[in-house]
N, C-alpha and C. Protein backbone atom coordinates (compact mmCIF):
# COMPACT_ATOMS: atom_id res chain seq x y z
N MET A 1 9.86 -17.09 55.85
CA MET A 1 9.34 -16.05 54.90
C MET A 1 9.03 -17.02 53.57
N PRO A 2 7.86 -16.79 53.26
CA PRO A 2 7.53 -17.67 51.99
C PRO A 2 8.04 -17.22 50.70
N THR A 3 8.47 -18.28 49.88
CA THR A 3 9.06 -18.07 48.68
C THR A 3 8.14 -17.81 47.50
N LEU A 4 8.30 -16.63 46.84
CA LEU A 4 7.37 -16.17 45.84
C LEU A 4 7.56 -17.00 44.53
N MET A 5 6.52 -17.48 43.88
CA MET A 5 6.71 -18.45 42.66
C MET A 5 7.02 -17.16 41.61
N PRO A 6 8.02 -17.49 40.77
CA PRO A 6 8.25 -16.45 39.64
C PRO A 6 7.00 -16.44 38.66
N LYS A 7 6.71 -15.34 38.17
CA LYS A 7 5.44 -15.10 37.35
C LYS A 7 5.88 -14.67 35.85
N ILE A 8 5.01 -14.91 34.99
CA ILE A 8 5.12 -14.40 33.57
C ILE A 8 3.88 -13.61 33.33
N ARG A 9 4.01 -12.75 32.23
CA ARG A 9 2.71 -12.03 31.92
C ARG A 9 2.55 -12.49 30.44
N VAL A 10 1.22 -12.69 30.24
CA VAL A 10 0.78 -13.33 28.95
C VAL A 10 -0.38 -12.43 28.50
N THR A 11 -0.27 -12.03 27.16
CA THR A 11 -1.41 -11.29 26.73
C THR A 11 -2.49 -12.09 25.93
N ILE A 12 -3.68 -12.15 26.34
CA ILE A 12 -4.92 -12.78 25.68
C ILE A 12 -5.69 -11.86 24.88
N LEU A 13 -5.80 -12.36 23.57
CA LEU A 13 -6.69 -11.63 22.74
C LEU A 13 -7.87 -12.50 22.24
N TYR A 14 -9.05 -11.70 22.40
CA TYR A 14 -10.30 -12.19 22.13
C TYR A 14 -10.89 -11.69 20.82
N PHE A 15 -11.34 -12.45 20.01
CA PHE A 15 -11.96 -12.03 18.78
C PHE A 15 -13.37 -12.29 18.49
N ALA A 16 -14.04 -11.46 17.67
CA ALA A 16 -15.48 -11.70 17.29
C ALA A 16 -16.41 -11.94 18.52
N PHE A 17 -17.11 -13.01 18.37
CA PHE A 17 -18.25 -13.25 19.42
C PHE A 17 -17.44 -13.78 20.79
N ILE A 18 -16.21 -14.13 20.82
CA ILE A 18 -15.43 -14.59 21.94
C ILE A 18 -15.53 -13.18 22.70
N HIS A 19 -14.93 -12.17 22.04
CA HIS A 19 -14.87 -10.81 22.62
C HIS A 19 -16.18 -10.44 23.23
N GLU A 20 -17.30 -10.67 22.58
CA GLU A 20 -18.54 -10.40 23.09
C GLU A 20 -18.91 -11.05 24.43
N ILE A 21 -18.46 -12.28 24.57
CA ILE A 21 -18.58 -13.20 25.74
C ILE A 21 -17.77 -12.51 26.82
N THR A 22 -16.42 -12.19 26.67
CA THR A 22 -15.66 -11.83 27.62
C THR A 22 -15.72 -10.43 27.99
N ARG A 23 -16.33 -9.58 26.94
CA ARG A 23 -16.42 -8.07 27.05
C ARG A 23 -15.24 -7.39 27.14
N LYS A 24 -14.11 -8.15 26.58
CA LYS A 24 -12.69 -7.62 26.51
C LYS A 24 -12.16 -7.93 25.10
N LYS A 25 -11.38 -7.19 24.55
CA LYS A 25 -10.66 -7.51 23.34
C LYS A 25 -9.30 -8.22 23.74
N GLU A 26 -8.83 -7.71 24.81
CA GLU A 26 -7.57 -8.29 25.36
C GLU A 26 -7.43 -8.21 26.87
N GLU A 27 -6.68 -8.86 27.49
CA GLU A 27 -6.28 -8.83 28.76
C GLU A 27 -4.88 -9.32 29.20
N ILE A 28 -4.32 -9.07 30.13
CA ILE A 28 -2.95 -9.64 30.51
C ILE A 28 -3.06 -10.38 31.59
N MET A 29 -2.65 -11.56 31.60
CA MET A 29 -2.65 -12.43 32.78
C MET A 29 -1.32 -12.65 33.28
N GLU A 30 -1.25 -12.78 34.64
CA GLU A 30 -0.04 -13.08 35.28
C GLU A 30 -0.11 -14.60 35.62
N LEU A 31 0.78 -15.46 35.30
CA LEU A 31 0.63 -16.86 35.55
C LEU A 31 2.09 -17.31 35.98
N SER A 32 2.02 -18.58 36.67
CA SER A 32 3.23 -19.06 37.15
C SER A 32 4.14 -19.37 35.81
N THR A 33 5.42 -19.51 36.10
CA THR A 33 6.27 -19.71 35.02
C THR A 33 6.20 -21.12 34.33
N ASN A 34 5.42 -21.99 34.95
CA ASN A 34 5.50 -23.30 34.32
C ASN A 34 4.10 -23.69 33.90
N THR A 35 3.31 -22.59 33.49
CA THR A 35 1.91 -22.84 32.94
C THR A 35 1.96 -23.29 31.62
N SER A 36 1.14 -24.27 31.20
CA SER A 36 1.15 -24.86 29.97
C SER A 36 -0.16 -24.11 29.26
N ILE A 37 -0.17 -24.32 27.91
CA ILE A 37 -1.23 -23.81 27.07
C ILE A 37 -2.62 -24.39 27.55
N LYS A 38 -2.66 -25.76 27.93
CA LYS A 38 -3.75 -26.36 28.33
C LYS A 38 -4.26 -25.83 29.63
N GLU A 39 -3.28 -25.50 30.53
CA GLU A 39 -3.66 -24.94 31.83
C GLU A 39 -4.21 -23.56 31.76
N LEU A 40 -3.62 -22.80 30.83
CA LEU A 40 -4.39 -21.44 30.47
C LEU A 40 -5.66 -21.52 29.95
N ILE A 41 -5.80 -22.32 29.00
CA ILE A 41 -7.33 -22.41 28.54
C ILE A 41 -8.18 -22.83 29.67
N SER A 42 -7.75 -23.70 30.44
CA SER A 42 -8.72 -24.06 31.50
C SER A 42 -9.02 -22.87 32.39
N ILE A 43 -7.98 -22.03 32.70
CA ILE A 43 -8.25 -20.84 33.56
C ILE A 43 -9.26 -19.85 32.77
N ILE A 44 -9.13 -19.78 31.40
CA ILE A 44 -9.86 -18.85 30.64
C ILE A 44 -11.42 -19.44 30.64
N LEU A 45 -11.49 -20.87 30.58
CA LEU A 45 -12.88 -21.37 30.56
C LEU A 45 -13.57 -21.31 31.97
N THR A 46 -12.76 -21.31 32.92
CA THR A 46 -13.35 -21.05 34.24
C THR A 46 -13.83 -19.67 34.44
N ARG A 47 -13.05 -18.62 33.94
CA ARG A 47 -13.43 -17.30 34.03
C ARG A 47 -14.68 -16.91 33.08
N TYR A 48 -14.65 -17.56 31.84
CA TYR A 48 -15.74 -17.28 30.83
C TYR A 48 -16.27 -18.66 30.40
N PRO A 49 -17.22 -19.16 31.23
CA PRO A 49 -17.78 -20.59 30.93
C PRO A 49 -18.47 -20.56 29.68
N ASN A 50 -18.97 -19.59 29.27
CA ASN A 50 -19.85 -19.62 27.90
C ASN A 50 -19.13 -19.85 26.70
N ILE A 51 -17.73 -19.62 26.82
CA ILE A 51 -16.76 -20.03 25.71
C ILE A 51 -16.82 -21.55 25.40
N LYS A 52 -17.12 -22.35 26.30
CA LYS A 52 -17.17 -23.73 26.23
C LYS A 52 -18.28 -24.06 25.09
N ASN A 53 -19.19 -23.28 25.01
CA ASN A 53 -20.35 -23.40 24.14
C ASN A 53 -19.93 -23.21 22.62
N ILE A 54 -18.89 -22.80 22.37
CA ILE A 54 -18.27 -22.41 20.95
C ILE A 54 -17.44 -23.49 20.47
N LYS A 55 -17.92 -24.16 19.41
CA LYS A 55 -17.15 -25.29 18.89
C LYS A 55 -16.08 -24.84 17.94
N ASN A 56 -15.00 -25.51 17.77
CA ASN A 56 -13.91 -25.26 16.97
C ASN A 56 -13.07 -23.96 16.98
N ILE A 57 -12.96 -23.56 18.25
CA ILE A 57 -12.13 -22.40 18.54
C ILE A 57 -10.62 -22.83 18.23
N LYS A 58 -9.99 -21.97 17.59
CA LYS A 58 -8.45 -22.01 17.26
C LYS A 58 -7.70 -21.37 18.34
N ILE A 59 -6.59 -21.87 18.74
CA ILE A 59 -5.74 -21.21 19.63
C ILE A 59 -4.43 -20.86 19.05
N SER A 60 -3.85 -19.56 19.07
CA SER A 60 -2.60 -19.33 18.52
C SER A 60 -1.78 -18.72 19.67
N VAL A 61 -0.41 -19.07 19.72
CA VAL A 61 0.51 -18.51 20.32
C VAL A 61 1.48 -17.95 19.56
N ASN A 62 1.67 -16.44 19.74
CA ASN A 62 2.57 -15.87 18.93
C ASN A 62 2.54 -16.06 17.43
N TYR A 63 1.18 -16.19 16.95
CA TYR A 63 0.66 -16.18 15.57
C TYR A 63 0.85 -17.68 14.99
N ARG A 64 1.04 -18.55 15.84
CA ARG A 64 1.21 -19.93 15.35
C ARG A 64 0.00 -20.71 15.96
N ILE A 65 -0.83 -21.46 15.25
CA ILE A 65 -1.94 -22.27 15.73
C ILE A 65 -1.33 -23.50 16.46
N VAL A 66 -1.85 -23.70 17.72
CA VAL A 66 -1.43 -24.76 18.60
C VAL A 66 -2.63 -25.54 19.05
N ASN A 67 -2.35 -26.74 19.54
CA ASN A 67 -3.37 -27.53 20.12
C ASN A 67 -3.82 -26.98 21.65
N SER A 68 -4.99 -26.87 21.85
CA SER A 68 -5.62 -26.24 23.21
C SER A 68 -5.18 -27.30 24.23
N ASN A 69 -4.96 -28.52 24.03
CA ASN A 69 -4.29 -29.51 24.96
C ASN A 69 -3.04 -29.64 25.18
N SER A 70 -2.27 -28.70 24.46
CA SER A 70 -0.66 -28.92 24.45
C SER A 70 -0.27 -28.55 25.94
N ASN A 71 0.85 -29.51 26.23
CA ASN A 71 1.57 -29.19 27.53
C ASN A 71 2.72 -28.32 27.40
N SER A 72 2.93 -27.61 26.19
CA SER A 72 3.86 -26.56 26.05
C SER A 72 3.84 -25.52 26.99
N ILE A 73 4.92 -25.16 27.53
CA ILE A 73 5.00 -24.15 28.67
C ILE A 73 4.98 -22.82 27.92
N LEU A 74 4.16 -21.73 28.31
CA LEU A 74 4.03 -20.40 27.96
C LEU A 74 5.32 -19.64 28.41
N LYS A 75 5.87 -18.74 27.80
CA LYS A 75 6.86 -17.89 28.20
C LYS A 75 6.42 -16.34 28.40
N ASN A 76 7.23 -15.68 29.11
CA ASN A 76 6.93 -14.21 29.42
C ASN A 76 6.68 -13.63 28.14
N ASP A 77 5.68 -12.63 27.99
CA ASP A 77 5.35 -11.83 26.84
C ASP A 77 4.68 -12.59 25.70
N ASP A 78 4.21 -13.79 25.97
CA ASP A 78 3.65 -14.56 24.85
C ASP A 78 2.28 -13.99 24.63
N GLU A 79 1.81 -14.04 23.11
CA GLU A 79 0.46 -13.55 22.85
C GLU A 79 -0.26 -14.56 22.55
N VAL A 80 -1.42 -14.93 23.19
CA VAL A 80 -2.34 -15.99 22.93
C VAL A 80 -3.73 -15.54 22.44
N ALA A 81 -4.03 -15.94 21.28
CA ALA A 81 -5.34 -15.41 20.68
C ALA A 81 -6.27 -16.69 20.61
N LEU A 82 -7.53 -16.33 20.90
CA LEU A 82 -8.73 -17.31 20.88
C LEU A 82 -9.43 -16.83 19.58
N LEU A 83 -9.49 -17.64 18.58
CA LEU A 83 -10.03 -17.39 17.23
C LEU A 83 -11.16 -18.16 16.96
N PRO A 84 -12.35 -17.61 16.73
CA PRO A 84 -13.74 -18.29 16.54
C PRO A 84 -13.64 -19.01 15.26
N PRO A 85 -14.50 -19.96 14.93
CA PRO A 85 -14.54 -20.61 13.55
C PRO A 85 -14.93 -19.46 12.63
N ILE A 86 -14.29 -19.77 11.38
CA ILE A 86 -14.64 -18.88 10.30
C ILE A 86 -15.71 -19.38 9.53
N SER A 87 -16.81 -18.48 9.23
CA SER A 87 -17.89 -18.90 8.45
C SER A 87 -17.94 -17.91 7.26
N GLY A 88 -18.64 -18.17 6.26
CA GLY A 88 -18.79 -17.39 5.16
C GLY A 88 -19.21 -18.26 3.88
N GLY A 89 -19.17 -17.66 2.79
CA GLY A 89 -19.49 -18.38 1.59
C GLY A 89 -19.07 -17.73 0.40
């Protein structure tokens, strides 16, 4: 009998024109328990390749800005937000 990998649920929030690309304001992803921020970003970019064209996206986990290349492991019920660059004057 195969062993099931434990899973976590993470909420992903998409803002501004990132929302326009994904056509979603948020989604819940089920991930393995050892998924890093870097791996999650890779999954998102595979699903929504046009996000790669946006420079200077900020990533936050539970309201704290993090490095998108971080090997920090996500936890169940984490909230990850993709924040576009802020412009204005």
